[in-house]
C-alpha atoms as a PDB file:
ATOM      1  CA  MET A   1     -20.769  -5.218 -30.134  1.00  0.00           C
ATOM      2  CA  SER A   2     -23.027  -7.306 -27.450  1.00  0.00           C
ATOM      3  CA  ASP A   3     -23.130 -10.650 -28.997  1.00  0.00           C
ATOM      4  CA  THR A   4     -20.093 -13.122 -28.317  1.00  0.00           C
ATOM      5  CA  ILE A   5     -17.844 -14.156 -31.160  1.00  0.00           C
ATOM      6  CA  SER A   6     -15.100 -16.568 -32.129  1.00  0.00           C
ATOM      7  CA  PRO A   7     -11.366 -15.468 -31.940  1.00  0.00           C
ATOM      8  CA  GLU A   8     -11.350 -15.975 -35.770  1.00  0.00           C
ATOM      9  CA  THR A   9     -14.309 -13.189 -36.056  1.00  0.00           C
ATOM     10  CA  ALA A  10     -12.334 -11.131 -33.486  1.00  0.00           C
ATOM     11  CA  LYS A  11      -9.505 -11.103 -35.554  1.00  0.00           C
ATOM     12  CA  SER A  12     -11.139 -10.050 -38.649  1.00  0.00           C
ATOM     13  CA  LEU A  13     -12.105  -6.849 -37.040  1.00  0.00           C
ATOM     14  CA  ILE A  14      -8.451  -5.811 -36.553  1.00  0.00           C
ATOM     15  CA  GLY A  15      -8.267  -2.136 -37.644  1.00  0.00           C
ATOM     16  CA  ARG A  16     -12.034  -1.280 -37.234  1.00  0.00           C
ATOM     17  CA  GLU A  17     -13.862   0.643 -34.415  1.00  0.00           C
ATOM     18  CA  THR A  18     -15.527  -1.979 -32.032  1.00  0.00           C
ATOM     19  CA  GLY A  19     -16.993   0.148 -29.312  1.00  0.00           C
ATOM     20  CA  VAL A  20     -18.016   3.550 -28.534  1.00  0.00           C
ATOM     21  CA  SER A  21     -19.113   4.487 -25.101  1.00  0.00           C
ATOM     22  CA  PRO A  22     -21.945   6.698 -24.092  1.00  0.00           C
ATOM     23  CA  TRP A  23     -20.987  10.245 -22.780  1.00  0.00           C
ATOM     24  CA  LEU A  24     -19.892  10.476 -19.329  1.00  0.00           C
ATOM     25  CA  THR A  25     -19.687  13.720 -17.285  1.00  0.00           C
ATOM     26  CA  VAL A  26     -16.484  14.267 -15.155  1.00  0.00           C
ATOM     27  CA  THR A  27     -17.609  15.802 -11.982  1.00  0.00           C
ATOM     28  CA  GLN A  28     -15.759  17.839  -9.519  1.00  0.00           C
ATOM     29  CA  GLU A  29     -16.624  15.470  -6.699  1.00  0.00           C
ATOM     30  CA  GLN A  30     -14.900  12.512  -8.773  1.00  0.00           C
ATOM     31  CA  ILE A  31     -11.785  14.873  -9.227  1.00  0.00           C
ATOM     32  CA  ASP A  32     -11.759  15.722  -5.531  1.00  0.00           C
ATOM     33  CA  ARG A  33     -12.115  12.165  -4.379  1.00  0.00           C
ATOM     34  CA  PHE A  34      -9.174  11.060  -7.002  1.00  0.00           C
ATOM     35  CA  ALA A  35      -7.195  13.689  -5.496  1.00  0.00           C
ATOM     36  CA  LYS A  36      -7.736  12.520  -1.880  1.00  0.00           C
ATOM     37  CA  ALA A  37      -7.008   8.818  -2.864  1.00  0.00           C
ATOM     38  CA  THR A  38      -3.916   9.809  -4.672  1.00  0.00           C
ATOM     39  CA  GLY A  39      -2.570  12.454  -2.550  1.00  0.00           C
ATOM     40  CA  ASP A  40      -2.496  14.969  -5.844  1.00  0.00           C
ATOM     41  CA  ASP A  41      -3.988  17.828  -4.411  1.00  0.00           C
ATOM     42  CA  GLN A  42      -2.505  20.247  -6.701  1.00  0.00           C
ATOM     43  CA  PHE A  43      -4.762  23.787  -7.030  1.00  0.00           C
ATOM     44  CA  ILE A  44      -5.405  22.924 -10.498  1.00  0.00           C
ATOM     45  CA  HIS A  45      -7.527  19.852  -9.565  1.00  0.00           C
ATOM     46  CA  VAL A  46      -9.250  20.986  -6.462  1.00  0.00           C
ATOM     47  CA  ASP A  47      -9.511  24.726  -6.007  1.00  0.00           C
ATOM     48  CA  ALA A  48     -11.673  25.961  -8.715  1.00  0.00           C
ATOM     49  CA  GLU A  49     -11.439  29.744  -7.818  1.00  0.00           C
ATOM     50  CA  ARG A  50      -7.619  29.545  -7.992  1.00  0.00           C
ATOM     51  CA  ALA A  51      -7.448  27.491 -11.092  1.00  0.00           C
ATOM     52  CA  ALA A  52      -9.822  29.921 -12.817  1.00  0.00           C
ATOM     53  CA  LYS A  53      -7.442  32.856 -12.081  1.00  0.00           C
ATOM     54  CA  GLU A  54      -3.964  31.255 -12.390  1.00  0.00           C
ATOM     55  CA  THR A  55      -4.219  28.674 -15.269  1.00  0.00           C
ATOM     56  CA  PRO A  56      -5.308  28.736 -18.812  1.00  0.00           C
ATOM     57  CA  PHE A  57      -7.891  26.261 -18.391  1.00  0.00           C
ATOM     58  CA  GLY A  58     -10.460  28.548 -16.775  1.00  0.00           C
ATOM     59  CA  GLY A  59     -11.188  26.084 -13.815  1.00  0.00           C
ATOM     60  CA  THR A  60     -10.204  22.917 -12.380  1.00  0.00           C
ATOM     61  CA  ILE A  61      -9.233  19.860 -14.318  1.00  0.00           C
ATOM     62  CA  ALA A  62      -9.191  16.172 -14.062  1.00  0.00           C
ATOM     63  CA  HIS A  63      -6.097  14.313 -13.335  1.00  0.00           C
ATOM     64  CA  GLY A  64      -4.794  12.791 -16.343  1.00  0.00           C
ATOM     65  CA  TYR A  65      -4.535   9.528 -14.597  1.00  0.00           C
ATOM     66  CA  LEU A  66      -8.187   9.986 -13.406  1.00  0.00           C
ATOM     67  CA  THR A  67      -9.344  10.170 -17.062  1.00  0.00           C
ATOM     68  CA  LEU A  68      -7.013   7.199 -17.917  1.00  0.00           C
ATOM     69  CA  SER A  69      -8.636   5.162 -14.956  1.00  0.00           C
ATOM     70  CA  LEU A  70     -12.056   5.789 -16.568  1.00  0.00           C
ATOM     71  CA  LEU A  71     -10.996   3.596 -19.468  1.00  0.00           C
ATOM     72  CA  THR A  72     -12.279   0.815 -17.481  1.00  0.00           C
ATOM     73  CA  ARG A  73     -15.876   2.022 -16.959  1.00  0.00           C
ATOM     74  CA  LEU A  74     -16.019   3.555 -20.454  1.00  0.00           C
ATOM     75  CA  GLY A  75     -14.705   0.204 -22.221  1.00  0.00           C
ATOM     76  CA  ALA A  76     -17.144  -1.999 -20.264  1.00  0.00           C
ATOM     77  CA  GLU A  77     -20.013   0.587 -21.442  1.00  0.00           C
ATOM     78  CA  ALA A  78     -18.630   0.452 -25.231  1.00  0.00           C
ATOM     79  CA  ALA A  79     -19.674  -3.224 -25.381  1.00  0.00           C
ATOM     80  CA  ASN A  80     -16.366  -4.135 -26.845  1.00  0.00           C
ATOM     81  CA  ILE A  81     -15.710  -7.464 -28.250  1.00  0.00           C
ATOM     82  CA  ARG A  82     -16.593 -10.502 -26.055  1.00  0.00           C
ATOM     83  CA  LEU A  83     -15.452 -13.890 -27.116  1.00  0.00           C
ATOM     84  CA  ASP A  84     -17.278 -17.101 -26.810  1.00  0.00           C
ATOM     85  CA  GLY A  85     -17.061 -18.716 -23.705  1.00  0.00           C
ATOM     86  CA  THR A  86     -15.482 -15.930 -21.896  1.00  0.00           C
ATOM     87  CA  ARG A  87     -15.064 -16.403 -18.060  1.00  0.00           C
ATOM     88  CA  MET A  88     -13.413 -13.088 -17.325  1.00  0.00           C
ATOM     89  CA  THR A  89     -11.318 -10.391 -18.814  1.00  0.00           C
ATOM     90  CA  ILE A  90      -8.487  -8.657 -17.070  1.00  0.00           C
ATOM     91  CA  ASN A  91      -6.561  -5.527 -17.391  1.00  0.00           C
ATOM     92  CA  TYR A  92      -3.309  -6.521 -18.750  1.00  0.00           C
ATOM     93  CA  GLY A  93      -1.756  -2.891 -19.028  1.00  0.00           C
ATOM     94  CA  LEU A  94      -0.744  -0.348 -21.405  1.00  0.00           C
ATOM     95  CA  ASP A  95       1.768   0.132 -24.268  1.00  0.00           C
ATOM     96  CA  LYS A  96       1.330   3.480 -24.870  1.00  0.00           C
ATOM     97  CA  VAL A  97      -0.472   6.678 -23.295  1.00  0.00           C
ATOM     98  CA  ARG A  98      -0.622  10.217 -24.456  1.00  0.00           C
ATOM     99  CA  PHE A  99      -2.471  12.961 -22.653  1.00  0.00           C
ATOM    100  CA  LEU A 100      -3.455  15.635 -25.166  1.00  0.00           C
ATOM    101  CA  THR A 101      -6.140  17.878 -23.614  1.00  0.00           C
ATOM    102  CA  PRO A 102      -7.000  18.454 -20.206  1.00  0.00           C
ATOM    103  CA  VAL A 103     -10.480  17.577 -19.168  1.00  0.00           C
ATOM    104  CA  ARG A 104     -12.323  20.393 -17.258  1.00  0.00           C
ATOM    105  CA  ALA A 105     -14.395  19.784 -14.418  1.00  0.00           C
ATOM    106  CA  GLY A 106     -18.088  19.311 -15.659  1.00  0.00           C
ATOM    107  CA  ALA A 107     -16.945  18.022 -19.221  1.00  0.00           C
ATOM    108  CA  ARG A 108     -18.400  15.103 -20.853  1.00  0.00           C
ATOM    109  CA  ILE A 109     -16.148  12.250 -22.164  1.00  0.00           C
ATOM    110  CA  ARG A 110     -16.752   9.005 -24.231  1.00  0.00           C
ATOM    111  CA  ALA A 111     -14.336   6.443 -25.333  1.00  0.00           C
ATOM    112  CA  ARG A 112     -13.978   4.982 -28.955  1.00  0.00           C
ATOM    113  CA  PHE A 113     -12.104   1.689 -29.297  1.00  0.00           C
ATOM    114  CA  VAL A 114     -10.238   0.410 -32.479  1.00  0.00           C
ATOM    115  CA  LEU A 115      -8.903  -3.224 -32.254  1.00  0.00           C
ATOM    116  CA  LEU A 116      -5.226  -3.345 -33.154  1.00  0.00           C
ATOM    117  CA  LYS A 117      -4.252  -6.980 -32.258  1.00  0.00           C
ATOM    118  CA  VAL A 118      -5.656 -10.406 -31.024  1.00  0.00           C
ATOM    119  CA  ASP A 119      -3.202 -12.747 -29.666  1.00  0.00           C
ATOM    120  CA  GLU A 120      -3.611 -16.501 -28.203  1.00  0.00           C
ATOM    121  CA  LYS A 121      -0.987 -16.059 -25.395  1.00  0.00           C
ATOM    122  CA  HIS A 122      -1.919 -19.570 -23.990  1.00  0.00           C
ATOM    123  CA  PRO A 123      -4.780 -22.060 -25.013  1.00  0.00           C
ATOM    124  CA  GLY A 124      -7.974 -20.101 -24.001  1.00  0.00           C
ATOM    125  CA  GLN A 125      -6.287 -16.877 -23.303  1.00  0.00           C
ATOM    126  CA  TYR A 126      -6.423 -14.073 -25.797  1.00  0.00           C
ATOM    127  CA  LEU A 127      -4.539 -10.797 -25.545  1.00  0.00           C
ATOM    128  CA  PHE A 128      -6.539  -7.940 -27.040  1.00  0.00           C
ATOM    129  CA  LYS A 129      -4.759  -4.499 -27.879  1.00  0.00           C
ATOM    130  CA  TYR A 130      -6.941  -1.493 -28.815  1.00  0.00           C
ATOM    131  CA  GLN A 131      -6.404   2.040 -29.500  1.00  0.00           C
ATOM    132  CA  ALA A 132      -8.563   3.948 -27.049  1.00  0.00           C
ATOM    133  CA  THR A 133      -9.369   7.462 -27.881  1.00  0.00           C
ATOM    134  CA  VAL A 134     -11.105   9.555 -25.126  1.00  0.00           C
ATOM    135  CA  ASP A 135     -13.111  12.522 -26.696  1.00  0.00           C
ATOM    136  CA  ILE A 136     -14.025  15.579 -25.068  1.00  0.00           C
ATOM    137  CA  GLU A 137     -17.719  16.802 -26.024  1.00  0.00           C
ATOM    138  CA  GLY A 138     -17.417  20.051 -28.161  1.00  0.00           C
ATOM    139  CA  ASN A 139     -13.607  19.772 -28.471  1.00  0.00           C
ATOM    140  CA  ASP A 140     -11.591  18.678 -31.676  1.00  0.00           C
ATOM    141  CA  LYS A 141      -8.675  17.384 -29.865  1.00  0.00           C
ATOM    142  CA  PRO A 142      -9.138  14.270 -27.591  1.00  0.00           C
ATOM    143  CA  ALA A 143      -8.388  14.095 -24.131  1.00  0.00           C
ATOM    144  CA  LEU A 144      -6.148  11.064 -24.511  1.00  0.00           C
ATOM    145  CA  ILE A 145      -5.092   8.436 -26.757  1.00  0.00           C
ATOM    146  CA  ALA A 146      -3.824   4.979 -25.340  1.00  0.00           C
ATOM    147  CA  GLU A 147      -2.923   1.616 -26.515  1.00  0.00           C
ATOM    148  CA  THR A 148      -4.767  -0.818 -23.820  1.00  0.00           C
ATOM    149  CA  LEU A 149      -4.322  -4.463 -23.397  1.00  0.00           C
ATOM    150  CA  SER A 150      -6.918  -6.867 -22.077  1.00  0.00           C
ATOM    151  CA  LEU A 151      -6.738 -10.604 -21.520  1.00  0.00           C
ATOM    152  CA  ALA A 152      -9.851 -12.633 -22.171  1.00  0.00           C
ATOM    153  CA  ILE A 153      -9.953 -15.979 -20.359  1.00  0.00           C
ATOM    154  CA  THR A 154     -12.168 -18.363 -22.030  1.00  0.00           C
ATOM    155  CA  GLY A 155     -13.285 -21.968 -21.518  1.00  0.00           C
ATOM    156  CA  GLY A 156     -13.390 -24.383 -18.526  1.00  0.00           C
ATOM    157  CA  SER A 157     -11.627 -23.721 -15.308  1.00  0.00           C
ATOM    158  CA  SER A 158      -7.837 -23.975 -15.282  1.00  0.00           C
END
């Protein structure tokens, strides 16, 4: 979706897929930078030779939290719902996350979003709950499924 819509129209989309991102390649460089930033430099993420020999993955894998953090980018690229008059949308958190399949370095992922709920928390503040599924190209099982929350702030300054 690319146009803005009313809260009422958004509520009519509950239960429907509202956005799919383009494919994104998860590179070893991204994995290495994430390892450095978080201090999680376990060999399964940063040592390709050892990971190929000692793991069932056949090489290095992305951190689950790296894949999860990419939902911000994938969500923006999926052109999800945008309400009329939206000034900003902020990450409100997660209700549930399950890491199902490791993402190998060099794999391509995308995210699909299904709208689960829309609540007006305060006047002009709408909480959206989505089921986000991160697919791995060529794999039947997703990398992860998460219930994500975002807060749309609409209207004038408050």
